[in-house]
């Protein structure tokens, strides 16, 4: 079994690299309630398919969501799907991709709706991810969610 290296981004949200079926079993024993797979199937030879991961999750009573994103290609529909996965399934959550970076970016883009970008970027840095290049996009999302000022 591979050693799962979880990186904590928020109280109940973690990211990691590719999970094995045994990793999913271990996470279930540790209290994780939802697995979010951010990898497209067949991205890398030998990775477990979404169907295999989902089957093990269901056997263990875990919620499962598949929000596949090609590296470097996060679009608004991906962010919406990630927000739905977080809203519809209980935490603690573990999201994974090849390295955890895409999962971290998706989390950040969802969080920008309600949290200032500085908090998001700092949380990512503590977990070992540099989201500074994403900062302008986080600012746009955050600004769009705030109430507009009205002139008196």
C-alpha atoms as a PDB file:
ATOM      1  CA  UNK A   1       0.000   0.000   0.000  1.00  0.00           C
ATOM      2  CA  UNK A   2       1.261   3.464  -0.794  1.00  0.00           C
ATOM      3  CA  UNK A   3       1.633   5.974   1.999  1.00  0.00           C
ATOM      4  CA  UNK A   4      -1.100   8.603   1.746  1.00  0.00           C
ATOM      5  CA  UNK A   5       0.353  12.096   2.201  1.00  0.00           C
ATOM      6  CA  UNK A   6      -2.580  14.326   3.024  1.00  0.00           C
ATOM      7  CA  UNK A   7      -2.161  18.069   2.776  1.00  0.00           C
ATOM      8  CA  UNK A   8      -4.632  19.997   4.913  1.00  0.00           C
ATOM      9  CA  UNK A   9      -6.191  23.063   3.285  1.00  0.00           C
ATOM     10  CA  UNK A  10      -9.124  23.620   5.611  1.00  0.00           C
ATOM     11  CA  UNK A  11     -10.529  22.108   8.781  1.00  0.00           C
ATOM     12  CA  UNK A  12     -12.028  19.091   6.980  1.00  0.00           C
ATOM     13  CA  UNK A  13     -10.570  19.352   3.464  1.00  0.00           C
ATOM     14  CA  UNK A  14      -7.412  17.580   2.354  1.00  0.00           C
ATOM     15  CA  UNK A  15      -5.695  16.993  -0.969  1.00  0.00           C
ATOM     16  CA  UNK A  16      -3.269  14.326  -2.073  1.00  0.00           C
ATOM     17  CA  UNK A  17      -1.816  12.574  -5.092  1.00  0.00           C
ATOM     18  CA  UNK A  18      -3.193   9.458  -6.734  1.00  0.00           C
ATOM     19  CA  UNK A  19      -4.957   7.094  -4.346  1.00  0.00           C
ATOM     20  CA  UNK A  20      -4.815   3.322  -4.531  1.00  0.00           C
ATOM     21  CA  UNK A  21      -7.771   1.159  -3.583  1.00  0.00           C
ATOM     22  CA  UNK A  22      -5.986   0.303  -0.322  1.00  0.00           C
ATOM     23  CA  UNK A  23      -5.484   4.030   0.348  1.00  0.00           C
ATOM     24  CA  UNK A  24      -9.246   4.528   0.110  1.00  0.00           C
ATOM     25  CA  UNK A  25      -9.759   1.750   2.650  1.00  0.00           C
ATOM     26  CA  UNK A  26      -7.219   3.346   4.999  1.00  0.00           C
ATOM     27  CA  UNK A  27      -8.846   6.779   4.680  1.00  0.00           C
ATOM     28  CA  UNK A  28     -12.246   5.271   5.484  1.00  0.00           C
ATOM     29  CA  UNK A  29     -10.810   3.776   8.689  1.00  0.00           C
ATOM     30  CA  UNK A  30      -9.394   7.222   9.558  1.00  0.00           C
ATOM     31  CA  UNK A  31     -12.808   8.887   9.319  1.00  0.00           C
ATOM     32  CA  UNK A  32     -12.849  10.398   5.817  1.00  0.00           C
ATOM     33  CA  UNK A  33     -16.426  10.508   4.549  1.00  0.00           C
ATOM     34  CA  UNK A  34     -16.033  11.704   0.941  1.00  0.00           C
ATOM     35  CA  UNK A  35     -13.471  11.035  -1.789  1.00  0.00           C
ATOM     36  CA  UNK A  36     -13.324  13.484  -4.719  1.00  0.00           C
ATOM     37  CA  UNK A  37     -11.421  12.268  -7.769  1.00  0.00           C
ATOM     38  CA  UNK A  38     -10.093  15.097  -9.948  1.00  0.00           C
ATOM     39  CA  UNK A  39      -8.228  12.873 -12.432  1.00  0.00           C
ATOM     40  CA  UNK A  40      -9.533  11.865 -15.835  1.00  0.00           C
ATOM     41  CA  UNK A  41      -9.473   8.110 -16.373  1.00  0.00           C
ATOM     42  CA  UNK A  42      -6.380   6.794 -18.174  1.00  0.00           C
ATOM     43  CA  UNK A  43      -4.389   9.953 -17.499  1.00  0.00           C
ATOM     44  CA  UNK A  44      -1.521   7.693 -16.489  1.00  0.00           C
ATOM     45  CA  UNK A  45      -1.018   3.967 -17.134  1.00  0.00           C
ATOM     46  CA  UNK A  46      -1.964   1.827 -14.164  1.00  0.00           C
ATOM     47  CA  UNK A  47      -4.022   4.357 -12.208  1.00  0.00           C
ATOM     48  CA  UNK A  48      -7.252   2.940 -10.776  1.00  0.00           C
ATOM     49  CA  UNK A  49     -10.282   3.975 -12.817  1.00  0.00           C
ATOM     50  CA  UNK A  50     -12.997   6.193 -11.432  1.00  0.00           C
ATOM     51  CA  UNK A  51     -15.321   3.185 -11.507  1.00  0.00           C
ATOM     52  CA  UNK A  52     -12.902   1.122  -9.361  1.00  0.00           C
ATOM     53  CA  UNK A  53     -12.457   3.904  -6.784  1.00  0.00           C
ATOM     54  CA  UNK A  54     -16.216   4.509  -6.679  1.00  0.00           C
ATOM     55  CA  UNK A  55     -16.910   0.803  -6.154  1.00  0.00           C
ATOM     56  CA  UNK A  56     -14.590   0.655  -3.124  1.00  0.00           C
ATOM     57  CA  UNK A  57     -16.060   3.891  -1.750  1.00  0.00           C
ATOM     58  CA  UNK A  58     -19.581   2.486  -1.983  1.00  0.00           C
ATOM     59  CA  UNK A  59     -18.500  -0.792  -0.323  1.00  0.00           C
ATOM     60  CA  UNK A  60     -17.102   1.256   2.568  1.00  0.00           C
ATOM     61  CA  UNK A  61     -20.061   3.630   2.843  1.00  0.00           C
ATOM     62  CA  UNK A  62     -18.085   6.634   1.588  1.00  0.00           C
ATOM     63  CA  UNK A  63     -19.505   9.310  -0.668  1.00  0.00           C
ATOM     64  CA  UNK A  64     -17.714   9.677  -3.999  1.00  0.00           C
ATOM     65  CA  UNK A  65     -17.569  12.395  -6.637  1.00  0.00           C
ATOM     66  CA  UNK A  66     -15.683  12.426  -9.918  1.00  0.00           C
ATOM     67  CA  UNK A  67     -14.777  15.906 -11.145  1.00  0.00           C
ATOM     68  CA  UNK A  68     -12.159  15.119 -13.812  1.00  0.00           C
ATOM     69  CA  UNK A  69      -9.921  17.985 -14.906  1.00  0.00           C
ATOM     70  CA  UNK A  70      -7.060  17.835 -17.404  1.00  0.00           C
ATOM     71  CA  UNK A  71      -3.935  19.445 -15.988  1.00  0.00           C
ATOM     72  CA  UNK A  72      -3.904  23.188 -16.668  1.00  0.00           C
ATOM     73  CA  UNK A  73      -7.505  23.228 -17.905  1.00  0.00           C
ATOM     74  CA  UNK A  74      -9.813  24.255 -15.057  1.00  0.00           C
ATOM     75  CA  UNK A  75     -13.007  25.803 -16.435  1.00  0.00           C
ATOM     76  CA  UNK A  76     -16.057  27.305 -14.677  1.00  0.00           C
ATOM     77  CA  UNK A  77     -18.049  24.073 -15.089  1.00  0.00           C
ATOM     78  CA  UNK A  78     -15.319  22.231 -13.177  1.00  0.00           C
ATOM     79  CA  UNK A  79     -15.542  24.768 -10.347  1.00  0.00           C
ATOM     80  CA  UNK A  80     -19.334  24.359 -10.267  1.00  0.00           C
ATOM     81  CA  UNK A  81     -19.018  20.566 -10.156  1.00  0.00           C
ATOM     82  CA  UNK A  82     -16.495  20.808  -7.321  1.00  0.00           C
ATOM     83  CA  UNK A  83     -18.784  23.169  -5.393  1.00  0.00           C
ATOM     84  CA  UNK A  84     -21.657  20.686  -5.831  1.00  0.00           C
ATOM     85  CA  UNK A  85     -19.457  17.805  -4.648  1.00  0.00           C
ATOM     86  CA  UNK A  86     -18.568  19.729  -1.498  1.00  0.00           C
ATOM     87  CA  UNK A  87     -22.137  20.869  -0.924  1.00  0.00           C
ATOM     88  CA  UNK A  88     -23.792  17.504  -1.496  1.00  0.00           C
ATOM     89  CA  UNK A  89     -21.385  15.222   0.362  1.00  0.00           C
ATOM     90  CA  UNK A  90     -20.248  15.225   4.003  1.00  0.00           C
ATOM     91  CA  UNK A  91     -16.758  16.036   5.236  1.00  0.00           C
ATOM     92  CA  UNK A  92     -14.083  15.285   5.968  1.00  0.00           C
ATOM     93  CA  UNK A  93     -13.211  15.289   2.271  1.00  0.00           C
ATOM     94  CA  UNK A  94     -10.098  14.072   0.472  1.00  0.00           C
ATOM     95  CA  UNK A  95      -9.672  15.278  -3.097  1.00  0.00           C
ATOM     96  CA  UNK A  96      -6.962  13.828  -5.280  1.00  0.00           C
ATOM     97  CA  UNK A  97      -5.289  14.150  -8.646  1.00  0.00           C
ATOM     98  CA  UNK A  98      -1.752  13.284  -9.789  1.00  0.00           C
ATOM     99  CA  UNK A  99      -0.007  15.540  -7.248  1.00  0.00           C
ATOM    100  CA  UNK A 100      -2.839  17.300  -5.399  1.00  0.00           C
ATOM    101  CA  UNK A 101      -2.262  20.613  -7.222  1.00  0.00           C
ATOM    102  CA  UNK A 102      -5.413  20.533  -9.390  1.00  0.00           C
ATOM    103  CA  UNK A 103      -7.479  19.533  -6.365  1.00  0.00           C
ATOM    104  CA  UNK A 104      -5.976  22.440  -4.430  1.00  0.00           C
ATOM    105  CA  UNK A 105      -6.783  24.870  -7.254  1.00  0.00           C
ATOM    106  CA  UNK A 106     -10.372  23.649  -7.506  1.00  0.00           C
ATOM    107  CA  UNK A 107     -10.802  24.039  -3.741  1.00  0.00           C
ATOM    108  CA  UNK A 108      -9.359  27.565  -3.947  1.00  0.00           C
ATOM    109  CA  UNK A 109     -11.686  28.614  -6.760  1.00  0.00           C
ATOM    110  CA  UNK A 110     -14.710  27.371  -4.809  1.00  0.00           C
ATOM    111  CA  UNK A 111     -13.517  29.046  -1.613  1.00  0.00           C
ATOM    112  CA  UNK A 112     -13.023  32.392  -3.389  1.00  0.00           C
ATOM    113  CA  UNK A 113     -16.789  32.793  -3.401  1.00  0.00           C
ATOM    114  CA  UNK A 114     -16.789  33.331   0.352  1.00  0.00           C
ATOM    115  CA  UNK A 115     -13.219  33.873   1.518  1.00  0.00           C
ATOM    116  CA  UNK A 116     -10.639  36.562   0.738  1.00  0.00           C
ATOM    117  CA  UNK A 117      -7.914  35.396  -1.660  1.00  0.00           C
ATOM    118  CA  UNK A 118      -5.179  36.122   0.882  1.00  0.00           C
ATOM    119  CA  UNK A 119      -6.632  33.500   3.263  1.00  0.00           C
ATOM    120  CA  UNK A 120      -6.884  30.942   0.479  1.00  0.00           C
ATOM    121  CA  UNK A 121      -3.352  31.526  -0.814  1.00  0.00           C
ATOM    122  CA  UNK A 122      -1.918  31.352   2.705  1.00  0.00           C
ATOM    123  CA  UNK A 123      -3.739  28.072   3.425  1.00  0.00           C
ATOM    124  CA  UNK A 124      -2.374  26.612   0.200  1.00  0.00           C
ATOM    125  CA  UNK A 125       1.158  27.789   1.040  1.00  0.00           C
ATOM    126  CA  UNK A 126       0.974  26.090   4.431  1.00  0.00           C
ATOM    127  CA  UNK A 127       0.078  22.887   2.559  1.00  0.00           C
ATOM    128  CA  UNK A 128       2.971  23.317   0.130  1.00  0.00           C
ATOM    129  CA  UNK A 129       1.178  24.782  -2.904  1.00  0.00           C
ATOM    130  CA  UNK A 130       1.862  28.121  -4.588  1.00  0.00           C
ATOM    131  CA  UNK A 131      -1.426  29.676  -5.710  1.00  0.00           C
ATOM    132  CA  UNK A 132      -0.045  33.163  -6.342  1.00  0.00           C
ATOM    133  CA  UNK A 133      -0.488  32.738 -10.130  1.00  0.00           C
ATOM    134  CA  UNK A 134      -4.179  32.045  -9.469  1.00  0.00           C
ATOM    135  CA  UNK A 135      -4.590  35.213  -7.362  1.00  0.00           C
ATOM    136  CA  UNK A 136      -6.170  37.406 -10.111  1.00  0.00           C
ATOM    137  CA  UNK A 137      -8.822  34.756 -10.802  1.00  0.00           C
ATOM    138  CA  UNK A 138      -9.504  34.371  -7.069  1.00  0.00           C
ATOM    139  CA  UNK A 139      -9.930  38.162  -6.789  1.00  0.00           C
ATOM    140  CA  UNK A 140     -12.419  38.210  -9.677  1.00  0.00           C
ATOM    141  CA  UNK A 141     -14.506  35.434  -8.174  1.00  0.00           C
ATOM    142  CA  UNK A 142     -14.428  36.990  -4.726  1.00  0.00           C
ATOM    143  CA  UNK A 143     -15.383  40.427  -6.067  1.00  0.00           C
ATOM    144  CA  UNK A 144     -18.275  38.969  -8.082  1.00  0.00           C
ATOM    145  CA  UNK A 145     -19.746  37.399  -4.943  1.00  0.00           C
ATOM    146  CA  UNK A 146     -19.717  40.565  -2.818  1.00  0.00           C
ATOM    147  CA  UNK A 147     -22.623  42.998  -2.599  1.00  0.00           C
ATOM    148  CA  UNK A 148     -22.208  45.970  -4.946  1.00  0.00           C
ATOM    149  CA  UNK A 149     -21.834  49.351  -3.278  1.00  0.00           C
ATOM    150  CA  UNK A 150     -24.661  51.780  -3.930  1.00  0.00           C
ATOM    151  CA  UNK A 151     -24.172  55.532  -4.105  1.00  0.00           C
ATOM    152  CA  UNK A 152     -26.055  57.664  -1.586  1.00  0.00           C
END
